[in-house]
Every structure is written in structure tokens, then in C-alpha cells.
Amino acid sequence: MAWIESHTVLIRHRKLMELSKDLDLKPVFVLGHLHALWHAALEQQETGDLSSWSDAFIAESAGYKGATTNFVMLLQKHRWLDG
């Protein structure tokens, strides 16, 4: 079984708080979206290279239901995802 390490401080991390404000979501929801995306990447793209994934697939993998392009752009802006 694959796993990822998660630290308790993540919910209070500056990057997560800024992403939360830009998405207009509570930090706990953003944390859930990030973990869902990380889990999908771990299961389907072990290298972590998501360059072949569309914005829509990234958002769907994260469980995000808003504007997909905006979601990916904000992940990149806050350095949760490379460009």
C-alpha cells in the first residue's frame, strides 16, 4: 500500500492559507483537495510529473468542482504544482 507523509502544521502553512483565500475556501477543504490530488498522483503517476494531465483531470483528481483552469493556475501560483 502506498502512503504519503503529512505533517500537522500543513493546515496552518502560509502557502495553504494563501491558496485558501484565493479559492475562497476554508483551509480544511483546501487541505482535502491537496491530499486527494497527492493520492491520485501517487497511485497513477509515481514520478509526480503531471504534465500529461489536463487541468480538468487535475481538478477532478483533487475533488475540486470549481473552475478547473483557475484551480490549476492557483496551484501553480502558490507553488503546489509546477508550471
PDB file of N, CA and C in Angstrom:
ATOM      1  N   MET A   1       0.842  -1.173   0.000  1.00  0.00           N
ATOM      2  CA  MET A   1       0.000   0.000   0.000  1.00  0.00           C
ATOM      3  C   MET A   1       0.890   1.240   0.000  1.00  0.00           C
ATOM      4  N   ALA A   2       0.600   2.160  -0.888  1.00  0.00           N
ATOM      5  CA  ALA A   2       1.345   3.413  -0.967  1.00  0.00           C
ATOM      6  C   ALA A   2       0.859   4.380   0.105  1.00  0.00           C
ATOM      7  N   TRP A   3       1.746   5.276   0.501  1.00  0.00           N
ATOM      8  CA  TRP A   3       1.375   6.271   1.508  1.00  0.00           C
ATOM      9  C   TRP A   3       2.188   7.533   1.281  1.00  0.00           C
ATOM     10  N   ILE A   4       1.693   8.639   1.842  1.00  0.00           N
ATOM     11  CA  ILE A   4       2.431   9.901   1.821  1.00  0.00           C
ATOM     12  C   ILE A   4       2.533  10.413   3.247  1.00  0.00           C
ATOM     13  N   GLU A   5       3.582  11.151   3.502  1.00  0.00           N
ATOM     14  CA  GLU A   5       3.777  11.749   4.817  1.00  0.00           C
ATOM     15  C   GLU A   5       3.013  13.070   4.871  1.00  0.00           C
ATOM     16  N   SER A   6       2.323  13.312   5.955  1.00  0.00           N
ATOM     17  CA  SER A   6       1.577  14.559   6.136  1.00  0.00           C
ATOM     18  C   SER A   6       1.860  15.095   7.532  1.00  0.00           C
ATOM     19  N   HIS A   7       2.199  16.359   7.605  1.00  0.00           N
ATOM     20  CA  HIS A   7       2.543  16.977   8.883  1.00  0.00           C
ATOM     21  C   HIS A   7       1.380  17.819   9.411  1.00  0.00           C
ATOM     22  N   THR A   8       1.233  17.862  10.709  1.00  0.00           N
ATOM     23  CA  THR A   8       0.123  18.589  11.332  1.00  0.00           C
ATOM     24  C   THR A   8       0.165  20.079  11.032  1.00  0.00           C
ATOM     25  N   VAL A   9       1.326  20.627  10.792  1.00  0.00           N
ATOM     26  CA  VAL A   9       1.470  22.060  10.544  1.00  0.00           C
ATOM     27  C   VAL A   9       0.918  22.470   9.163  1.00  0.00           C
ATOM     28  N   LEU A  10       0.682  21.508   8.287  1.00  0.00           N
ATOM     29  CA  LEU A  10       0.256  21.818   6.922  1.00  0.00           C
ATOM     30  C   LEU A  10      -0.996  22.678   6.883  1.00  0.00           C
ATOM     31  N   ILE A  11      -1.947  22.443   7.744  1.00  0.00           N
ATOM     32  CA  ILE A  11      -3.200  23.213   7.737  1.00  0.00           C
ATOM     33  C   ILE A  11      -2.959  24.692   8.028  1.00  0.00           C
ATOM     34  N   ARG A  12      -1.845  25.006   8.671  1.00  0.00           N
ATOM     35  CA  ARG A  12      -1.518  26.389   9.009  1.00  0.00           C
ATOM     36  C   ARG A  12      -0.384  26.953   8.151  1.00  0.00           C
ATOM     37  N   HIS A  13       0.036  26.217   7.144  1.00  0.00           N
ATOM     38  CA  HIS A  13       1.141  26.655   6.294  1.00  0.00           C
ATOM     39  C   HIS A  13       0.731  27.888   5.482  1.00  0.00           C
ATOM     40  N   ARG A  14       1.655  28.822   5.339  1.00  0.00           N
ATOM     41  CA  ARG A  14       1.388  30.070   4.620  1.00  0.00           C
ATOM     42  C   ARG A  14       0.861  29.810   3.207  1.00  0.00           C
ATOM     43  N   LYS A  15       1.482  28.886   2.485  1.00  0.00           N
ATOM     44  CA  LYS A  15       1.044  28.615   1.115  1.00  0.00           C
ATOM     45  C   LYS A  15      -0.387  28.078   1.075  1.00  0.00           C
ATOM     46  N   LEU A  16      -0.738  27.254   2.024  1.00  0.00           N
ATOM     47  CA  LEU A  16      -2.103  26.716   2.071  1.00  0.00           C
ATOM     48  C   LEU A  16      -3.094  27.821   2.425  1.00  0.00           C
ATOM     49  N   MET A  17      -2.722  28.682   3.355  1.00  0.00           N
ATOM     50  CA  MET A  17      -3.612  29.780   3.748  1.00  0.00           C
ATOM     51  C   MET A  17      -3.848  30.744   2.576  1.00  0.00           C
ATOM     52  N   GLU A  18      -2.791  31.047   1.827  1.00  0.00           N
ATOM     53  CA  GLU A  18      -2.934  31.946   0.675  1.00  0.00           C
ATOM     54  C   GLU A  18      -3.783  31.311  -0.421  1.00  0.00           C
ATOM     55  N   LEU A  19      -3.571  30.019  -0.677  1.00  0.00           N
ATOM     56  CA  LEU A  19      -4.390  29.316  -1.666  1.00  0.00           C
ATOM     57  C   LEU A  19      -5.844  29.289  -1.216  1.00  0.00           C
ATOM     58  N   SER A  20      -6.062  29.065   0.051  1.00  0.00           N
ATOM     59  CA  SER A  20      -7.402  29.048   0.614  1.00  0.00           C
ATOM     60  C   SER A  20      -8.122  30.375   0.366  1.00  0.00           C
ATOM     61  N   LYS A  21      -7.426  31.472   0.582  1.00  0.00           N
ATOM     62  CA  LYS A  21      -8.033  32.799   0.352  1.00  0.00           C
ATOM     63  C   LYS A  21      -8.348  33.004  -1.124  1.00  0.00           C
ATOM     64  N   ASP A  22      -7.420  32.623  -1.999  1.00  0.00           N
ATOM     65  CA  ASP A  22      -7.646  32.809  -3.433  1.00  0.00           C
ATOM     66  C   ASP A  22      -8.778  31.939  -3.962  1.00  0.00           C
ATOM     67  N   LEU A  23      -8.949  30.748  -3.390  1.00  0.00           N
ATOM     68  CA  LEU A  23     -10.036  29.865  -3.815  1.00  0.00           C
ATOM     69  C   LEU A  23     -11.340  30.168  -3.093  1.00  0.00           C
ATOM     70  N   ASP A  24     -11.275  31.008  -2.065  1.00  0.00           N
ATOM     71  CA  ASP A  24     -12.424  31.338  -1.222  1.00  0.00           C
ATOM     72  C   ASP A  24     -13.013  30.069  -0.596  1.00  0.00           C
ATOM     73  N   LEU A  25     -12.098  29.247  -0.060  1.00  0.00           N
ATOM     74  CA  LEU A  25     -12.474  28.007   0.613  1.00  0.00           C
ATOM     75  C   LEU A  25     -11.820  27.963   1.983  1.00  0.00           C
ATOM     76  N   LYS A  26     -12.420  27.234   2.892  1.00  0.00           N
ATOM     77  CA  LYS A  26     -11.817  27.033   4.200  1.00  0.00           C
ATOM     78  C   LYS A  26     -10.533  26.211   4.033  1.00  0.00           C
ATOM     79  N   PRO A  27      -9.514  26.511   4.854  1.00  0.00           N
ATOM     80  CA  PRO A  27      -8.250  25.774   4.744  1.00  0.00           C
ATOM     81  C   PRO A  27      -8.420  24.263   4.830  1.00  0.00           C
ATOM     82  N   VAL A  28      -9.340  23.787   5.644  1.00  0.00           N
ATOM     83  CA  VAL A  28      -9.524  22.340   5.776  1.00  0.00           C
ATOM     84  C   VAL A  28      -9.994  21.717   4.456  1.00  0.00           C
ATOM     85  N   PHE A  29     -10.777  22.459   3.668  1.00  0.00           N
ATOM     86  CA  PHE A  29     -11.218  21.947   2.376  1.00  0.00           C
ATOM     87  C   PHE A  29     -10.053  21.936   1.382  1.00  0.00           C
ATOM     88  N   VAL A  30      -9.235  22.980   1.399  1.00  0.00           N
ATOM     89  CA  VAL A  30      -8.071  23.038   0.523  1.00  0.00           C
ATOM     90  C   VAL A  30      -7.112  21.897   0.861  1.00  0.00           C
ATOM     91  N   LEU A  31      -6.929  21.645   2.139  1.00  0.00           N
ATOM     92  CA  LEU A  31      -6.086  20.534   2.578  1.00  0.00           C
ATOM     93  C   LEU A  31      -6.612  19.218   2.004  1.00  0.00           C
ATOM     94  N   GLY A  32      -7.904  19.037   2.037  1.00  0.00           N
ATOM     95  CA  GLY A  32      -8.510  17.825   1.465  1.00  0.00           C
ATOM     96  C   GLY A  32      -8.285  17.714  -0.027  1.00  0.00           C
ATOM     97  N   HIS A  33      -8.425  18.837  -0.748  1.00  0.00           N
ATOM     98  CA  HIS A  33      -8.177  18.820  -2.194  1.00  0.00           C
ATOM     99  C   HIS A  33      -6.721  18.469  -2.498  1.00  0.00           C
ATOM    100  N   LEU A  34      -5.795  19.044  -1.729  1.00  0.00           N
ATOM    101  CA  LEU A  34      -4.381  18.740  -1.944  1.00  0.00           C
ATOM    102  C   LEU A  34      -4.089  17.265  -1.676  1.00  0.00           C
ATOM    103  N   HIS A  35      -4.615  16.747  -0.589  1.00  0.00           N
ATOM    104  CA  HIS A  35      -4.368  15.339  -0.278  1.00  0.00           C
ATOM    105  C   HIS A  35      -4.979  14.422  -1.341  1.00  0.00           C
ATOM    106  N   ALA A  36      -6.166  14.736  -1.808  1.00  0.00           N
ATOM    107  CA  ALA A  36      -6.793  13.918  -2.856  1.00  0.00           C
ATOM    108  C   ALA A  36      -5.929  13.928  -4.116  1.00  0.00           C
ATOM    109  N   LEU A  37      -5.392  15.093  -4.481  1.00  0.00           N
ATOM    110  CA  LEU A  37      -4.529  15.181  -5.652  1.00  0.00           C
ATOM    111  C   LEU A  37      -3.242  14.397  -5.439  1.00  0.00           C
ATOM    112  N   TRP A  38      -2.636  14.530  -4.272  1.00  0.00           N
ATOM    113  CA  TRP A  38      -1.406  13.790  -3.983  1.00  0.00           C
ATOM    114  C   TRP A  38      -1.644  12.287  -4.021  1.00  0.00           C
ATOM    115  N   HIS A  39      -2.781  11.848  -3.501  1.00  0.00           N
ATOM    116  CA  HIS A  39      -3.094  10.413  -3.514  1.00  0.00           C
ATOM    117  C   HIS A  39      -3.258   9.916  -4.953  1.00  0.00           C
ATOM    118  N   ALA A  40      -3.951  10.691  -5.773  1.00  0.00           N
ATOM    119  CA  ALA A  40      -4.143  10.300  -7.174  1.00  0.00           C
ATOM    120  C   ALA A  40      -2.798  10.234  -7.900  1.00  0.00           C
ATOM    121  N   ALA A  41      -1.946  11.225  -7.651  1.00  0.00           N
ATOM    122  CA  ALA A  41      -0.632  11.234  -8.291  1.00  0.00           C
ATOM    123  C   ALA A  41       0.191  10.030  -7.836  1.00  0.00           C
ATOM    124  N   LEU A  42       0.131   9.728  -6.562  1.00  0.00           N
ATOM    125  CA  LEU A  42       0.879   8.588  -6.023  1.00  0.00           C
ATOM    126  C   LEU A  42       0.417   7.278  -6.653  1.00  0.00           C
ATOM    127  N   GLU A  43      -0.884   7.145  -6.864  1.00  0.00           N
ATOM    128  CA  GLU A  43      -1.437   5.920  -7.444  1.00  0.00           C
ATOM    129  C   GLU A  43      -1.218   5.829  -8.949  1.00  0.00           C
ATOM    130  N   GLN A  44      -1.263   6.971  -9.646  1.00  0.00           N
ATOM    131  CA  GLN A  44      -1.301   6.940 -11.102  1.00  0.00           C
ATOM    132  C   GLN A  44      -0.071   7.523 -11.791  1.00  0.00           C
ATOM    133  N   GLN A  45       0.702   8.311 -11.062  1.00  0.00           N
ATOM    134  CA  GLN A  45       1.853   8.989 -11.672  1.00  0.00           C
ATOM    135  C   GLN A  45       2.962   9.074 -10.637  1.00  0.00           C
ATOM    136  N   GLU A  46       3.545   7.928 -10.324  1.00  0.00           N
ATOM    137  CA  GLU A  46       4.504   7.828  -9.228  1.00  0.00           C
ATOM    138  C   GLU A  46       5.668   8.803  -9.327  1.00  0.00           C
ATOM    139  N   THR A  47       6.013   9.222 -10.530  1.00  0.00           N
ATOM    140  CA  THR A  47       7.117  10.170 -10.697  1.00  0.00           C
ATOM    141  C   THR A  47       6.740  11.564 -10.217  1.00  0.00           C
ATOM    142  N   GLY A  48       5.428  11.821 -10.110  1.00  0.00           N
ATOM    143  CA  GLY A  48       4.962  13.150  -9.711  1.00  0.00           C
ATOM    144  C   GLY A  48       4.848  14.105 -10.876  1.00  0.00           C
ATOM    145  N   ASP A  49       5.185  13.660 -12.074  1.00  0.00           N
ATOM    146  CA  ASP A  49       5.106  14.504 -13.265  1.00  0.00           C
ATOM    147  C   ASP A  49       3.675  14.481 -13.793  1.00  0.00           C
ATOM    148  N   LEU A  50       2.969  15.579 -13.570  1.00  0.00           N
ATOM    149  CA  LEU A  50       1.571  15.666 -14.012  1.00  0.00           C
ATOM    150  C   LEU A  50       1.430  16.449 -15.308  1.00  0.00           C
ATOM    151  N   SER A  51       2.530  16.657 -16.018  1.00  0.00           N
ATOM    152  CA  SER A  51       2.480  17.476 -17.235  1.00  0.00           C
ATOM    153  C   SER A  51       1.578  16.874 -18.314  1.00  0.00           C
ATOM    154  N   SER A  52       1.327  15.586 -18.266  1.00  0.00           N
ATOM    155  CA  SER A  52       0.445  14.961 -19.252  1.00  0.00           C
ATOM    156  C   SER A  52      -1.025  15.008 -18.818  1.00  0.00           C
ATOM    157  N   TRP A  53      -1.294  15.491 -17.612  1.00  0.00           N
ATOM    158  CA  TRP A  53      -2.657  15.573 -17.103  1.00  0.00           C
ATOM    159  C   TRP A  53      -3.278  16.910 -17.507  1.00  0.00           C
ATOM    160  N   SER A  54      -4.507  16.873 -17.956  1.00  0.00           N
ATOM    161  CA  SER A  54      -5.217  18.109 -18.285  1.00  0.00           C
ATOM    162  C   SER A  54      -5.615  18.834 -17.003  1.00  0.00           C
ATOM    163  N   ASP A  55      -5.906  20.116 -17.139  1.00  0.00           N
ATOM    164  CA  ASP A  55      -6.388  20.884 -15.988  1.00  0.00           C
ATOM    165  C   ASP A  55      -7.645  20.243 -15.406  1.00  0.00           C
ATOM    166  N   ALA A  56      -8.523  19.786 -16.297  1.00  0.00           N
ATOM    167  CA  ALA A  56      -9.772  19.170 -15.841  1.00  0.00           C
ATOM    168  C   ALA A  56      -9.496  17.900 -15.043  1.00  0.00           C
ATOM    169  N   PHE A  57      -8.527  17.098 -15.492  1.00  0.00           N
ATOM    170  CA  PHE A  57      -8.219  15.857 -14.778  1.00  0.00           C
ATOM    171  C   PHE A  57      -7.545  16.142 -13.442  1.00  0.00           C
ATOM    172  N   ILE A  58      -6.697  17.158 -13.388  1.00  0.00           N
ATOM    173  CA  ILE A  58      -6.067  17.548 -12.128  1.00  0.00           C
ATOM    174  C   ILE A  58      -7.133  17.971 -11.134  1.00  0.00           C
ATOM    175  N   ALA A  59      -8.040  18.827 -11.559  1.00  0.00           N
ATOM    176  CA  ALA A  59      -9.109  19.295 -10.671  1.00  0.00           C
ATOM    177  C   ALA A  59     -10.010  18.138 -10.242  1.00  0.00           C
ATOM    178  N   GLU A  60     -10.357  17.261 -11.177  1.00  0.00           N
ATOM    179  CA  GLU A  60     -11.198  16.111 -10.852  1.00  0.00           C
ATOM    180  C   GLU A  60     -10.488  15.191  -9.855  1.00  0.00           C
ATOM    181  N   SER A  61      -9.203  14.972 -10.057  1.00  0.00           N
ATOM    182  CA  SER A  61      -8.425  14.124  -9.155  1.00  0.00           C
ATOM    183  C   SER A  61      -8.342  14.720  -7.759  1.00  0.00           C
ATOM    184  N   ALA A  62      -8.391  16.050  -7.685  1.00  0.00           N
ATOM    185  CA  ALA A  62      -8.357  16.749  -6.401  1.00  0.00           C
ATOM    186  C   ALA A  62      -9.744  16.864  -5.771  1.00  0.00           C
ATOM    187  N   GLY A  63     -10.770  16.455  -6.500  1.00  0.00           N
ATOM    188  CA  GLY A  63     -12.129  16.581  -5.995  1.00  0.00           C
ATOM    189  C   GLY A  63     -12.637  18.011  -6.020  1.00  0.00           C
ATOM    190  N   TYR A  64     -12.020  18.840  -6.849  1.00  0.00           N
ATOM    191  CA  TYR A  64     -12.397  20.262  -6.935  1.00  0.00           C
ATOM    192  C   TYR A  64     -13.467  20.431  -8.001  1.00  0.00           C
ATOM    193  N   LYS A  65     -14.546  21.111  -7.666  1.00  0.00           N
ATOM    194  CA  LYS A  65     -15.685  21.246  -8.578  1.00  0.00           C
ATOM    195  C   LYS A  65     -15.816  22.621  -9.211  1.00  0.00           C
ATOM    196  N   GLY A  66     -14.911  23.550  -8.906  1.00  0.00           N
ATOM    197  CA  GLY A  66     -14.980  24.898  -9.470  1.00  0.00           C
ATOM    198  C   GLY A  66     -14.323  24.976 -10.841  1.00  0.00           C
ATOM    199  N   ALA A  67     -13.897  26.187 -11.193  1.00  0.00           N
ATOM    200  CA  ALA A  67     -13.240  26.438 -12.482  1.00  0.00           C
ATOM    201  C   ALA A  67     -11.887  25.735 -12.517  1.00  0.00           C
ATOM    202  N   THR A  68     -11.751  24.760 -13.397  1.00  0.00           N
ATOM    203  CA  THR A  68     -10.569  23.907 -13.403  1.00  0.00           C
ATOM    204  C   THR A  68      -9.288  24.660 -13.752  1.00  0.00           C
ATOM    205  N   THR A  69      -9.344  25.518 -14.768  1.00  0.00           N
ATOM    206  CA  THR A  69      -8.149  26.251 -15.178  1.00  0.00           C
ATOM    207  C   THR A  69      -7.691  27.181 -14.072  1.00  0.00           C
ATOM    208  N   ASN A  70      -8.617  27.838 -13.410  1.00  0.00           N
ATOM    209  CA  ASN A  70      -8.283  28.724 -12.294  1.00  0.00           C
ATOM    210  C   ASN A  70      -7.659  27.933 -11.146  1.00  0.00           C
ATOM    211  N   PHE A  71      -8.191  26.755 -10.858  1.00  0.00           N
ATOM    212  CA  PHE A  71      -7.661  25.913  -9.788  1.00  0.00           C
ATOM    213  C   PHE A  71      -6.197  25.558 -10.064  1.00  0.00           C
ATOM    214  N   VAL A  72      -5.912  25.094 -11.258  1.00  0.00           N
ATOM    215  CA  VAL A  72      -4.539  24.711 -11.607  1.00  0.00           C
ATOM    216  C   VAL A  72      -3.634  25.938 -11.603  1.00  0.00           C
ATOM    217  N   MET A  73      -4.108  27.061 -12.127  1.00  0.00           N
ATOM    218  CA  MET A  73      -3.318  28.291 -12.131  1.00  0.00           C
ATOM    219  C   MET A  73      -2.959  28.703 -10.704  1.00  0.00           C
ATOM    220  N   LEU A  74      -3.914  28.578  -9.774  1.00  0.00           N
ATOM    221  CA  LEU A  74      -3.649  28.945  -8.383  1.00  0.00           C
ATOM    222  C   LEU A  74      -2.720  27.942  -7.702  1.00  0.00           C
ATOM    223  N   LEU A  75      -2.827  26.671  -8.040  1.00  0.00           N
ATOM    224  CA  LEU A  75      -1.871  25.685  -7.521  1.00  0.00           C
ATOM    225  C   LEU A  75      -0.454  26.055  -7.961  1.00  0.00           C
ATOM    226  N   GLN A  76      -0.329  26.492  -9.202  1.00  0.00           N
ATOM    227  CA  GLN A  76       0.978  26.897  -9.710  1.00  0.00           C
ATOM    228  C   GLN A  76       1.438  28.203  -9.061  1.00  0.00           C
ATOM    229  N   LYS A  77       0.538  29.155  -8.949  1.00  0.00           N
ATOM    230  CA  LYS A  77       0.870  30.451  -8.342  1.00  0.00           C
ATOM    231  C   LYS A  77       1.437  30.265  -6.924  1.00  0.00           C
ATOM    232  N   HIS A  78       0.824  29.376  -6.167  1.00  0.00           N
ATOM    233  CA  HIS A  78       1.234  29.179  -4.779  1.00  0.00           C
ATOM    234  C   HIS A  78       2.247  28.046  -4.628  1.00  0.00           C
ATOM    235  N   ARG A  79       2.780  27.592  -5.763  1.00  0.00           N
ATOM    236  CA  ARG A  79       3.867  26.608  -5.815  1.00  0.00           C
ATOM    237  C   ARG A  79       3.513  25.267  -5.184  1.00  0.00           C
ATOM    238  N   TRP A  80       2.262  24.845  -5.373  1.00  0.00           N
ATOM    239  CA  TRP A  80       1.871  23.480  -5.011  1.00  0.00           C
ATOM    240  C   TRP A  80       2.010  22.568  -6.222  1.00  0.00           C
ATOM    241  N   LEU A  81       2.146  23.195  -7.407  1.00  0.00           N
ATOM    242  CA  LEU A  81       2.237  22.455  -8.662  1.00  0.00           C
ATOM    243  C   LEU A  81       3.179  23.223  -9.571  1.00  0.00           C
ATOM    244  N   ASP A  82       4.096  22.519 -10.219  1.00  0.00           N
ATOM    245  CA  ASP A  82       4.994  23.164 -11.161  1.00  0.00           C
ATOM    246  C   ASP A  82       4.234  23.569 -12.413  1.00  0.00           C
ATOM    247  N   GLY A  83       4.759  24.538 -13.122  1.00  0.00           N
ATOM    248  CA  GLY A  83       4.119  25.026 -14.337  1.00  0.00           C
ATOM    249  C   GLY A  83       4.258  24.095 -15.499  1.00  0.00           C
TER     250      GLY A  83
END
